[in-house]
Protein backbone atom coordinates (compact mmCIF):
# COMPACT_ATOMS: atom_id res chain seq x y z
CA MET A 1 94.43 101.05 100.61
CA LYS A 2 91.95 103.05 102.64
CA ASN A 3 93.56 106.43 102.19
CA LEU A 4 91.52 109.54 101.50
CA TYR A 5 92.41 109.73 97.81
CA VAL A 6 91.44 106.12 97.11
CA LEU A 7 88.18 106.42 99.04
CA GLN A 8 87.28 109.66 97.21
CA ARG A 9 87.84 107.95 93.87
CA ALA A 10 85.84 104.95 94.99
CA ALA A 11 82.95 107.15 96.15
CA GLY A 12 82.84 108.74 92.70
CA ASP A 13 82.63 105.38 90.94
CA VAL A 14 79.70 105.15 88.55
CA ARG A 15 78.73 101.75 90.00
CA LEU A 16 77.89 103.40 93.30
CA LYS A 17 75.93 106.26 91.75
CA LYS A 18 73.10 103.90 90.87
CA TYR A 19 72.33 103.42 94.60
CA GLU A 20 70.18 106.29 95.73
CA TRP A 21 70.89 105.58 99.40
CA PHE A 22 74.63 105.92 98.67
CA ARG A 23 74.17 109.15 96.68
CA GLN A 24 72.21 110.65 99.56
CA LEU A 25 74.83 109.91 102.20
CA PRO A 26 76.09 113.15 103.75
CA ASP A 27 79.69 111.89 103.69
CA GLN A 28 80.27 109.03 101.27
CA VAL A 29 84.00 108.87 101.95
CA ARG A 30 83.48 108.54 105.70
CA TYR A 31 80.89 105.83 105.06
CA LEU A 32 83.41 103.87 103.01
CA ASP A 33 86.10 104.40 105.61
CA GLU A 34 83.87 103.15 108.40
CA ASN A 35 82.26 100.22 106.56
CA VAL A 36 84.88 98.75 104.26
CA VAL A 37 87.32 96.48 106.07
CA VAL A 38 90.82 95.93 104.71
CA THR A 39 93.08 93.30 106.20
CA SER A 40 96.34 91.98 104.90
CA SER A 41 98.63 89.09 105.46
CA THR A 42 102.04 88.42 103.99
CA GLN A 43 101.11 88.92 100.34
CA ASP A 44 97.33 88.99 100.35
CA ILE A 45 94.95 91.89 100.87
CA TYR A 46 91.35 91.17 101.80
CA VAL A 47 88.67 93.78 101.29
CA SER A 48 85.25 93.07 102.71
CA MET A 49 82.03 94.69 103.77
CA THR A 50 78.86 93.58 105.45
CA TYR A 51 75.64 95.03 104.11
CA LYS A 52 72.08 93.78 103.67
CA ASP A 53 72.28 94.12 99.87
CA ALA A 54 75.02 91.79 98.59
CA GLU A 55 75.08 93.47 95.17
CA ALA A 56 75.66 96.88 96.73
CA ALA A 57 78.34 95.51 99.06
CA THR A 58 80.11 93.92 96.09
CA ALA A 59 79.91 97.15 94.08
CA ILE A 60 81.35 99.12 96.99
CA VAL A 61 84.21 96.69 97.60
CA ASP A 62 84.97 96.48 93.87
CA SER A 63 84.98 100.27 93.63
CA VAL A 64 87.48 100.60 96.48
CA ILE A 65 89.74 97.91 95.00
CA ASP A 66 89.59 99.43 91.50
CA ALA A 67 90.28 102.93 92.85
CA TYR A 68 93.27 101.59 94.77
CA PHE A 69 94.80 99.85 91.75
CA ARG A 70 94.16 102.82 89.45
CA SER A 71 95.90 105.07 91.98
CA ARG A 72 98.78 102.65 92.40
CA THR A 73 99.26 102.35 88.64
CA GLU A 74 99.24 106.14 88.26
CA LEU A 75 101.84 106.48 91.02
CA ASP A 76 104.00 103.77 89.44
CA ASP A 77 103.77 105.55 86.07
CA GLN A 78 104.67 108.89 87.64
CA SER A 79 107.60 107.34 89.45
CA ILE A 80 108.93 105.73 86.29
CA ASP A 81 108.41 108.95 84.32
CA LYS A 82 110.36 110.95 86.92
CA SER A 83 113.10 108.33 86.97
CA LEU A 84 113.31 108.35 83.18
CA ASN A 85 113.56 112.14 83.15
CA ILE A 86 116.38 112.03 85.71
CA LEU A 87 118.05 109.32 83.68
CA LYS A 88 117.77 111.32 80.45
CA ASP A 89 119.25 114.36 82.20
CA LEU A 90 122.16 112.25 83.44
CA GLN A 91 122.65 110.84 79.96
CA ALA A 92 122.73 114.34 78.47
CA LYS A 93 125.27 115.51 81.05
CA THR A 94 127.42 112.42 80.55
CA ASP A 95 127.20 112.79 76.79
CA LYS A 96 128.28 116.45 77.12
CA LEU A 97 131.19 115.45 79.37
CA LEU A 98 132.20 112.81 76.85
CA ARG A 99 132.13 115.31 73.96
CA GLU A 100 134.11 117.87 75.94
CA SER A 101 136.64 115.25 76.96
CA LYS A 102 137.06 114.13 73.35
CA GLU A 103 137.54 117.76 72.29
CA THR A 104 140.16 118.18 75.00
CA LEU A 105 141.92 115.03 73.84
CA THR A 106 141.82 116.21 70.23
CA LYS A 107 143.29 119.55 71.29
CA LEU A 108 145.91 117.71 73.30
CA GLU A 109 146.90 115.67 70.28
CA SER A 110 146.89 118.70 67.96
CA ASP A 111 149.24 120.56 70.33
CA GLY A 112 151.78 117.91 69.55
CA GLY A 113 152.07 117.01 73.16
CA THR A 114 154.27 119.98 74.00
CA THR A 115 151.96 121.44 76.63
CA TRP A 116 150.41 118.23 77.93
CA SER A 117 152.20 115.73 80.10
CA ASP A 118 151.63 112.00 80.00
CA ASP A 119 149.67 112.37 83.24
CA ASP A 120 147.38 114.92 81.57
CA ARG A 121 146.73 112.56 78.68
CA LYS A 122 146.09 109.70 81.11
CA VAL A 123 143.53 111.74 83.06
CA VAL A 124 141.63 112.78 79.92
CA THR A 125 141.66 109.24 78.58
CA GLU A 126 140.36 107.90 81.91
CA VAL A 127 137.59 110.49 81.98
CA ILE A 128 136.53 109.51 78.47
CA GLY A 129 136.59 105.81 79.36
CA LYS A 130 134.53 106.35 82.52
CA ALA A 131 132.07 108.60 80.69
CA ARG A 132 131.58 105.92 78.02
CA GLN A 133 131.01 103.32 80.73
CA THR A 134 128.56 105.55 82.59
CA LEU A 135 126.71 106.36 79.39
CA GLY A 136 126.41 102.64 78.61
CA GLU A 137 125.08 101.94 82.11
CA LEU A 138 122.55 104.77 81.83
CA GLU A 139 121.35 103.49 78.48
CA GLY A 140 120.93 100.04 80.03
CA LYS A 141 118.90 101.53 82.91
CA GLN A 142 116.73 103.41 80.41
CA ILE A 143 115.96 100.16 78.61
CA GLU A 144 115.09 98.50 81.95
CA MET A 145 112.81 101.37 82.99
CA THR A 146 111.07 101.48 79.64
CA ALA A 147 110.45 97.73 79.91
CA ALA A 148 109.15 98.22 83.47
CA ARG A 149 106.75 100.88 82.23
CA GLU A 150 105.46 98.51 79.54
CA GLY A 151 105.11 95.81 82.18
CA LEU A 152 102.98 98.13 84.28
CA LYS A 153 100.64 98.70 81.36
CA THR A 154 100.03 94.97 80.95
CA ARG A 155 100.02 94.11 84.65
CA GLU A 156 96.85 92.46 85.84
CA ALA A 157 95.31 93.53 89.11
CA PRO A 158 95.41 90.83 91.77
CA LYS A 159 92.17 89.05 92.44
């Protein structure tokens, strides 16, 4: 939670800009790193800070937490987008393989079977069957990933 990117985003939070003492710090990120305490247990993360002005301490802690969750959501979105792109590429390749296999089978049947053995037909038929199965699995994964992306959009940040 206290990585450089999150702390930079937190330091730029508009809530902290209203504190002149914070604006005038020579290194706001270092200040956050040194003064905000993050501890975690099994599933809980605690973010705290001790400062003479409770309102300022709350604003700082809230800024760090918000920056962390914004960053995490962006990374989750990027990960899902990359996965969906990979999935779409696999679907396109599988679809192409399926089309080519069907064309091969059509050619096989139009040749009257004189140049193709039963083993050849069996191989082409198996390829088509596996390509259909793979395509179905990929479409299922795409539905799951799209639902996961929608879930991320509606996910509430932990308290």
